């Protein structure tokens, strides 16, 4: 059996901590990326629905001054 010095033991613990930190960092990056795609999808669908509603309002002959209050006061 090889004997380890205190410095070798500290180096081994340091490498283990670095490996765990790297794994958790990668996990966090993937979670942030997934959350960003969810937010982007929600915003895209909201804009698409409101664009459709504005198109219908224009087709029905609504004045342009009604679009902003309608969009600003409507809950998301």
PDB file of N, CA and C in Angstrom:
ATOM      1  N   UNK A   1       0.826  -1.182   0.000  1.00  0.00           N
ATOM      2  CA  UNK A   1       0.000   0.000   0.000  1.00  0.00           C
ATOM      3  C   UNK A   1       0.870   1.244   0.000  1.00  0.00           C
ATOM      4  N   UNK A   2       0.451   2.196  -0.807  1.00  0.00           N
ATOM      5  CA  UNK A   2       1.182   3.460  -0.860  1.00  0.00           C
ATOM      6  C   UNK A   2       0.622   4.395   0.196  1.00  0.00           C
ATOM      7  N   UNK A   3       1.483   5.059   0.867  1.00  0.00           N
ATOM      8  CA  UNK A   3       1.030   6.000   1.888  1.00  0.00           C
ATOM      9  C   UNK A   3       0.844   7.368   1.246  1.00  0.00           C
ATOM     10  N   UNK A   4      -0.209   8.056   1.674  1.00  0.00           N
ATOM     11  CA  UNK A   4      -0.529   9.369   1.124  1.00  0.00           C
ATOM     12  C   UNK A   4      -0.160  10.438   2.136  1.00  0.00           C
ATOM     13  N   UNK A   5       0.313  11.507   1.629  1.00  0.00           N
ATOM     14  CA  UNK A   5       0.601  12.626   2.511  1.00  0.00           C
ATOM     15  C   UNK A   5      -0.649  13.482   2.655  1.00  0.00           C
ATOM     16  N   UNK A   6      -0.582  14.397   3.580  1.00  0.00           N
ATOM     17  CA  UNK A   6      -1.708  15.301   3.801  1.00  0.00           C
ATOM     18  C   UNK A   6      -1.988  16.121   2.546  1.00  0.00           C
ATOM     19  N   UNK A   7      -0.945  16.542   1.856  1.00  0.00           N
ATOM     20  CA  UNK A   7      -1.099  17.341   0.639  1.00  0.00           C
ATOM     21  C   UNK A   7      -1.796  16.532  -0.457  1.00  0.00           C
ATOM     22  N   UNK A   8      -1.483  15.232  -0.566  1.00  0.00           N
ATOM     23  CA  UNK A   8      -2.156  14.381  -1.554  1.00  0.00           C
ATOM     24  C   UNK A   8      -3.646  14.255  -1.241  1.00  0.00           C
ATOM     25  N   UNK A   9      -3.975  14.097   0.039  1.00  0.00           N
ATOM     26  CA  UNK A   9      -5.379  13.986   0.436  1.00  0.00           C
ATOM     27  C   UNK A   9      -6.142  15.278   0.137  1.00  0.00           C
ATOM     28  N   UNK A  10      -5.542  16.412   0.442  1.00  0.00           N
ATOM     29  CA  UNK A  10      -6.182  17.702   0.166  1.00  0.00           C
ATOM     30  C   UNK A  10      -6.371  17.883  -1.334  1.00  0.00           C
ATOM     31  N   UNK A  11      -5.383  17.483  -2.137  1.00  0.00           N
ATOM     32  CA  UNK A  11      -5.506  17.571  -3.595  1.00  0.00           C
ATOM     33  C   UNK A  11      -6.620  16.694  -4.125  1.00  0.00           C
ATOM     34  N   UNK A  12      -6.779  15.506  -3.554  1.00  0.00           N
ATOM     35  CA  UNK A  12      -7.855  14.600  -3.969  1.00  0.00           C
ATOM     36  C   UNK A  12      -9.223  15.194  -3.641  1.00  0.00           C
ATOM     37  N   UNK A  13      -9.358  15.760  -2.462  1.00  0.00           N
ATOM     38  CA  UNK A  13     -10.632  16.393  -2.077  1.00  0.00           C
ATOM     39  C   UNK A  13     -10.911  17.595  -2.974  1.00  0.00           C
ATOM     40  N   UNK A  14      -9.888  18.346  -3.297  1.00  0.00           N
ATOM     41  CA  UNK A  14     -10.049  19.518  -4.168  1.00  0.00           C
ATOM     42  C   UNK A  14     -10.519  19.087  -5.561  1.00  0.00           C
ATOM     43  N   UNK A  15      -9.971  18.011  -6.089  1.00  0.00           N
ATOM     44  CA  UNK A  15     -10.401  17.513  -7.403  1.00  0.00           C
ATOM     45  C   UNK A  15     -11.850  17.043  -7.366  1.00  0.00           C
ATOM     46  N   UNK A  16     -12.244  16.387  -6.288  1.00  0.00           N
ATOM     47  CA  UNK A  16     -13.627  15.929  -6.161  1.00  0.00           C
ATOM     48  C   UNK A  16     -14.592  17.109  -6.105  1.00  0.00           C
ATOM     49  N   UNK A  17     -14.233  18.123  -5.337  1.00  0.00           N
ATOM     50  CA  UNK A  17     -15.088  19.315  -5.241  1.00  0.00           C
ATOM     51  C   UNK A  17     -15.188  20.010  -6.595  1.00  0.00           C
ATOM     52  N   UNK A  18     -14.091  20.096  -7.328  1.00  0.00           N
ATOM     53  CA  UNK A  18     -14.125  20.707  -8.661  1.00  0.00           C
ATOM     54  C   UNK A  18     -15.003  19.920  -9.620  1.00  0.00           C
ATOM     55  N   UNK A  19     -14.976  18.589  -9.529  1.00  0.00           N
ATOM     56  CA  UNK A  19     -15.813  17.761 -10.398  1.00  0.00           C
ATOM     57  C   UNK A  19     -17.291  17.969 -10.082  1.00  0.00           C
ATOM     58  N   UNK A  20     -17.640  18.014  -8.800  1.00  0.00           N
ATOM     59  CA  UNK A  20     -19.035  18.231  -8.408  1.00  0.00           C
ATOM     60  C   UNK A  20     -19.492  19.621  -8.834  1.00  0.00           C
ATOM     61  N   UNK A  21     -18.646  20.617  -8.641  1.00  0.00           N
ATOM     62  CA  UNK A  21     -18.981  21.982  -9.044  1.00  0.00           C
ATOM     63  C   UNK A  21     -19.202  22.077 -10.553  1.00  0.00           C
ATOM     64  N   UNK A  22     -18.361  21.416 -11.329  1.00  0.00           N
ATOM     65  CA  UNK A  22     -18.526  21.415 -12.785  1.00  0.00           C
ATOM     66  C   UNK A  22     -19.828  20.754 -13.211  1.00  0.00           C
ATOM     67  N   UNK A  23     -20.171  19.636 -12.564  1.00  0.00           N
ATOM     68  CA  UNK A  23     -21.430  18.957 -12.885  1.00  0.00           C
ATOM     69  C   UNK A  23     -22.637  19.804 -12.557  1.00  0.00           C
ATOM     70  N   UNK A  24     -22.615  20.448 -11.395  1.00  0.00           N
ATOM     71  CA  UNK A  24     -23.740  21.309 -11.014  1.00  0.00           C
ATOM     72  C   UNK A  24     -23.843  22.538 -11.908  1.00  0.00           C
ATOM     73  N   UNK A  25     -22.705  23.052 -12.359  1.00  0.00           N
ATOM     74  CA  UNK A  25     -22.718  24.196 -13.275  1.00  0.00           C
ATOM     75  C   UNK A  25     -23.364  23.803 -14.601  1.00  0.00           C
ATOM     76  N   UNK A  26     -23.020  22.638 -15.113  1.00  0.00           N
ATOM     77  CA  UNK A  26     -23.628  22.174 -16.367  1.00  0.00           C
ATOM     78  C   UNK A  26     -25.134  21.961 -16.197  1.00  0.00           C
ATOM     79  N   UNK A  27     -25.536  21.375 -15.078  1.00  0.00           N
ATOM     80  CA  UNK A  27     -26.955  21.168 -14.806  1.00  0.00           C
ATOM     81  C   UNK A  27     -27.694  22.500 -14.747  1.00  0.00           C
ATOM     82  N   UNK A  28     -27.107  23.496 -14.089  1.00  0.00           N
ATOM     83  CA  UNK A  28     -27.723  24.820 -14.007  1.00  0.00           C
ATOM     84  C   UNK A  28     -27.836  25.488 -15.365  1.00  0.00           C
ATOM     85  N   UNK A  29     -26.812  25.332 -16.201  1.00  0.00           N
ATOM     86  CA  UNK A  29     -26.848  25.930 -17.541  1.00  0.00           C
ATOM     87  C   UNK A  29     -27.956  25.307 -18.379  1.00  0.00           C
ATOM     88  N   UNK A  30     -28.118  23.998 -18.286  1.00  0.00           N
ATOM     89  CA  UNK A  30     -29.183  23.327 -19.043  1.00  0.00           C
ATOM     90  C   UNK A  30     -30.553  23.764 -18.538  1.00  0.00           C
ATOM     91  N   UNK A  31     -30.703  23.916 -17.223  1.00  0.00           N
ATOM     92  CA  UNK A  31     -31.985  24.367 -16.662  1.00  0.00           C
ATOM     93  C   UNK A  31     -32.318  25.784 -17.106  1.00  0.00           C
ATOM     94  N   UNK A  32     -31.310  26.667 -17.127  1.00  0.00           N
ATOM     95  CA  UNK A  32     -31.553  28.036 -17.595  1.00  0.00           C
ATOM     96  C   UNK A  32     -31.925  28.067 -19.069  1.00  0.00           C
ATOM     97  N   UNK A  33     -31.290  27.231 -19.858  1.00  0.00           N
ATOM     98  CA  UNK A  33     -31.615  27.169 -21.287  1.00  0.00           C
ATOM     99  C   UNK A  33     -33.049  26.691 -21.502  1.00  0.00           C
ATOM    100  N   UNK A  34     -33.460  25.680 -20.763  1.00  0.00           N
ATOM    101  CA  UNK A  34     -34.834  25.175 -20.875  1.00  0.00           C
ATOM    102  C   UNK A  34     -35.840  26.242 -20.444  1.00  0.00           C
ATOM    103  N   UNK A  35     -35.537  26.966 -19.381  1.00  0.00           N
ATOM    104  CA  UNK A  35     -36.434  28.026 -18.925  1.00  0.00           C
ATOM    105  C   UNK A  35     -36.524  29.149 -19.953  1.00  0.00           C
ATOM    106  N   UNK A  36     -35.389  29.475 -20.579  1.00  0.00           N
ATOM    107  CA  UNK A  36     -35.396  30.527 -21.599  1.00  0.00           C
ATOM    108  C   UNK A  36     -36.277  30.135 -22.777  1.00  0.00           C
ATOM    109  N   UNK A  37     -36.206  28.878 -23.208  1.00  0.00           N
ATOM    110  CA  UNK A  37     -37.063  28.438 -24.305  1.00  0.00           C
ATOM    111  C   UNK A  37     -38.533  28.490 -23.916  1.00  0.00           C
ATOM    112  N   UNK A  38     -38.856  28.186 -22.677  1.00  0.00           N
ATOM    113  CA  UNK A  38     -40.236  28.275 -22.216  1.00  0.00           C
ATOM    114  C   UNK A  38     -40.750  29.704 -22.230  1.00  0.00           C
ATOM    115  N   UNK A  39     -39.927  30.638 -21.783  1.00  0.00           N
ATOM    116  CA  UNK A  39     -40.316  32.051 -21.782  1.00  0.00           C
ATOM    117  C   UNK A  39     -40.475  32.563 -23.205  1.00  0.00           C
ATOM    118  N   UNK A  40     -39.539  32.214 -24.079  1.00  0.00           N
ATOM    119  CA  UNK A  40     -39.615  32.655 -25.476  1.00  0.00           C
ATOM    120  C   UNK A  40     -40.871  32.117 -26.133  1.00  0.00           C
ATOM    121  N   UNK A  41     -41.204  30.862 -25.869  1.00  0.00           N
ATOM    122  CA  UNK A  41     -42.401  30.267 -26.462  1.00  0.00           C
ATOM    123  C   UNK A  41     -43.659  30.974 -25.967  1.00  0.00           C
ATOM    124  N   UNK A  42     -43.718  31.285 -24.676  1.00  0.00           N
ATOM    125  CA  UNK A  42     -44.882  31.974 -24.124  1.00  0.00           C
ATOM    126  C   UNK A  42     -45.048  33.360 -24.744  1.00  0.00           C
ATOM    127  N   UNK A  43     -43.967  34.100 -24.858  1.00  0.00           N
ATOM    128  CA  UNK A  43     -44.041  35.431 -25.463  1.00  0.00           C
ATOM    129  C   UNK A  43     -44.439  35.355 -26.935  1.00  0.00           C
ATOM    130  N   UNK A  44     -43.897  34.388 -27.660  1.00  0.00           N
ATOM    131  CA  UNK A  44     -44.228  34.233 -29.072  1.00  0.00           C
ATOM    132  C   UNK A  44     -45.717  33.941 -29.255  1.00  0.00           C
ATOM    133  N   UNK A  45     -46.250  33.048 -28.438  1.00  0.00           N
ATOM    134  CA  UNK A  45     -47.675  32.714 -28.552  1.00  0.00           C
ATOM    135  C   UNK A  45     -48.547  33.912 -28.199  1.00  0.00           C
ATOM    136  N   UNK A  46     -48.133  34.706 -27.215  1.00  0.00           N
ATOM    137  CA  UNK A  46     -48.894  35.893 -26.843  1.00  0.00           C
ATOM    138  C   UNK A  46     -48.918  36.908 -27.980  1.00  0.00           C
ATOM    139  N   UNK A  47     -47.771  37.146 -28.587  1.00  0.00           N
ATOM    140  CA  UNK A  47     -47.704  38.095 -29.713  1.00  0.00           C
ATOM    141  C   UNK A  47     -48.525  37.579 -30.887  1.00  0.00           C
ATOM    142  N   UNK A  48     -48.446  36.289 -31.145  1.00  0.00           N
ATOM    143  CA  UNK A  48     -49.200  35.712 -32.268  1.00  0.00           C
ATOM    144  C   UNK A  48     -50.706  35.857 -32.051  1.00  0.00           C
ATOM    145  N   UNK A  49     -51.167  35.589 -30.826  1.00  0.00           N
ATOM    146  CA  UNK A  49     -52.599  35.727 -30.544  1.00  0.00           C
ATOM    147  C   UNK A  49     -53.051  37.184 -30.647  1.00  0.00           C
ATOM    148  N   UNK A  50     -52.249  38.088 -30.121  1.00  0.00           N
ATOM    149  CA  UNK A  50     -52.651  39.505 -30.166  1.00  0.00           C
ATOM    150  C   UNK A  50     -52.594  40.047 -31.585  1.00  0.00           C
ATOM    151  N   UNK A  51     -51.656  39.557 -32.399  1.00  0.00           N
ATOM    152  CA  UNK A  51     -51.611  39.974 -33.800  1.00  0.00           C
ATOM    153  C   UNK A  51     -52.883  39.528 -34.515  1.00  0.00           C
ATOM    154  N   UNK A  52     -53.321  38.328 -34.215  1.00  0.00           N
ATOM    155  CA  UNK A  52     -54.563  37.826 -34.809  1.00  0.00           C
ATOM    156  C   UNK A  52     -55.757  38.664 -34.366  1.00  0.00           C
ATOM    157  N   UNK A  53     -55.786  39.031 -33.070  1.00  0.00           N
ATOM    158  CA  UNK A  53     -56.895  39.847 -32.573  1.00  0.00           C
ATOM    159  C   UNK A  53     -56.896  41.232 -33.213  1.00  0.00           C
ATOM    160  N   UNK A  54     -55.721  41.839 -33.382  1.00  0.00           N
ATOM    161  CA  UNK A  54     -55.639  43.157 -34.017  1.00  0.00           C
ATOM    162  C   UNK A  54     -56.093  43.063 -35.465  1.00  0.00           C
ATOM    163  N   UNK A  55     -55.723  41.983 -36.134  1.00  0.00           N
ATOM    164  CA  UNK A  55     -56.183  41.783 -37.515  1.00  0.00           C
ATOM    165  C   UNK A  55     -57.702  41.695 -37.593  1.00  0.00           C
ATOM    166  N   UNK A  56     -58.304  40.989 -36.648  1.00  0.00           N
ATOM    167  CA  UNK A  56     -59.771  40.910 -36.621  1.00  0.00           C
ATOM    168  C   UNK A  56     -60.400  42.261 -36.334  1.00  0.00           C
ATOM    169  N   UNK A  57     -59.803  43.015 -35.413  1.00  0.00           N
ATOM    170  CA  UNK A  57     -60.337  44.345 -35.108  1.00  0.00           C
ATOM    171  C   UNK A  57     -60.249  45.253 -36.331  1.00  0.00           C
ATOM    172  N   UNK A  58     -59.157  45.169 -37.079  1.00  0.00           N
ATOM    173  CA  UNK A  58     -59.033  45.971 -38.295  1.00  0.00           C
ATOM    174  C   UNK A  58     -60.066  45.539 -39.332  1.00  0.00           C
ATOM    175  N   UNK A  59     -60.280  44.237 -39.444  1.00  0.00           N
ATOM    176  CA  UNK A  59     -61.253  43.742 -40.409  1.00  0.00           C
ATOM    177  C   UNK A  59     -62.658  44.197 -40.052  1.00  0.00           C
ATOM    178  N   UNK A  60     -62.948  44.341 -38.782  1.00  0.00           N
ATOM    179  CA  UNK A  60     -64.266  44.798 -38.355  1.00  0.00           C
ATOM    180  C   UNK A  60     -64.404  46.308 -38.418  1.00  0.00           C
ATOM    181  N   UNK A  61     -63.315  47.006 -38.740  1.00  0.00           N
ATOM    182  CA  UNK A  61     -63.382  48.448 -38.916  1.00  0.00           C
ATOM    183  C   UNK A  61     -63.099  49.259 -37.668  1.00  0.00           C
ATOM    184  N   UNK A  62     -62.450  48.691 -36.685  1.00  0.00           N
ATOM    185  CA  UNK A  62     -62.111  49.444 -35.474  1.00  0.00           C
ATOM    186  C   UNK A  62     -61.075  50.510 -35.779  1.00  0.00           C
ATOM    187  N   UNK A  63     -61.123  51.586 -35.016  1.00  0.00           N
ATOM    188  CA  UNK A  63     -60.151  52.662 -35.183  1.00  0.00           C
ATOM    189  C   UNK A  63     -58.803  52.230 -34.608  1.00  0.00           C
ATOM    190  N   UNK A  64     -57.727  52.768 -35.176  1.00  0.00           N
ATOM    191  CA  UNK A  64     -56.382  52.412 -34.732  1.00  0.00           C
ATOM    192  C   UNK A  64     -56.127  52.831 -33.287  1.00  0.00           C
ATOM    193  N   UNK A  65     -56.830  53.833 -32.808  1.00  0.00           N
ATOM    194  CA  UNK A  65     -56.637  54.317 -31.438  1.00  0.00           C
ATOM    195  C   UNK A  65     -57.115  53.299 -30.399  1.00  0.00           C
ATOM    196  N   UNK A  66     -57.896  52.327 -30.798  1.00  0.00           N
ATOM    197  CA  UNK A  66     -58.399  51.332 -29.845  1.00  0.00           C
ATOM    198  C   UNK A  66     -57.429  50.185 -29.630  1.00  0.00           C
ATOM    199  N   UNK A  67     -56.439  50.021 -30.496  1.00  0.00           N
ATOM    200  CA  UNK A  67     -55.544  48.864 -30.400  1.00  0.00           C
ATOM    201  C   UNK A  67     -54.654  48.928 -29.164  1.00  0.00           C
ATOM    202  N   UNK A  68     -54.032  50.080 -28.915  1.00  0.00           N
ATOM    203  CA  UNK A  68     -53.117  50.197 -27.782  1.00  0.00           C
ATOM    204  C   UNK A  68     -53.823  50.006 -26.441  1.00  0.00           C
ATOM    205  N   UNK A  69     -54.926  50.697 -26.176  1.00  0.00           N
ATOM    206  CA  UNK A  69     -55.593  50.450 -24.887  1.00  0.00           C
ATOM    207  C   UNK A  69     -56.057  49.004 -24.730  1.00  0.00           C
ATOM    208  N   UNK A  70     -56.514  48.413 -25.816  1.00  0.00           N
ATOM    209  CA  UNK A  70     -56.965  47.024 -25.754  1.00  0.00           C
ATOM    210  C   UNK A  70     -55.808  46.099 -25.393  1.00  0.00           C
ATOM    211  N   UNK A  71     -54.653  46.304 -25.986  1.00  0.00           N
ATOM    212  CA  UNK A  71     -53.497  45.449 -25.728  1.00  0.00           C
ATOM    213  C   UNK A  71     -52.862  45.764 -24.376  1.00  0.00           C
ATOM    214  N   UNK A  72     -52.841  47.028 -23.983  1.00  0.00           N
ATOM    215  CA  UNK A  72     -52.169  47.408 -22.745  1.00  0.00           C
ATOM    216  C   UNK A  72     -52.985  47.000 -21.509  1.00  0.00           C
ATOM    217  N   UNK A  73     -54.280  47.048 -21.599  1.00  0.00           N
ATOM    218  CA  UNK A  73     -55.127  46.753 -20.434  1.00  0.00           C
ATOM    219  C   UNK A  73     -55.484  45.286 -20.321  1.00  0.00           C
ATOM    220  N   UNK A  74     -55.263  44.524 -21.363  1.00  0.00           N
ATOM    221  CA  UNK A  74     -55.589  43.094 -21.335  1.00  0.00           C
ATOM    222  C   UNK A  74     -54.529  42.335 -20.531  1.00  0.00           C
ATOM    223  N   UNK A  75     -54.955  41.457 -19.618  1.00  0.00           N
ATOM    224  CA  UNK A  75     -53.972  40.681 -18.859  1.00  0.00           C
ATOM    225  C   UNK A  75     -53.256  39.692 -19.782  1.00  0.00           C
ATOM    226  N   UNK A  76     -52.026  39.335 -19.433  1.00  0.00           N
ATOM    227  CA  UNK A  76     -51.261  38.423 -20.302  1.00  0.00           C
ATOM    228  C   UNK A  76     -51.850  37.038 -20.368  1.00  0.00           C
TER     229      UNK A  76
END
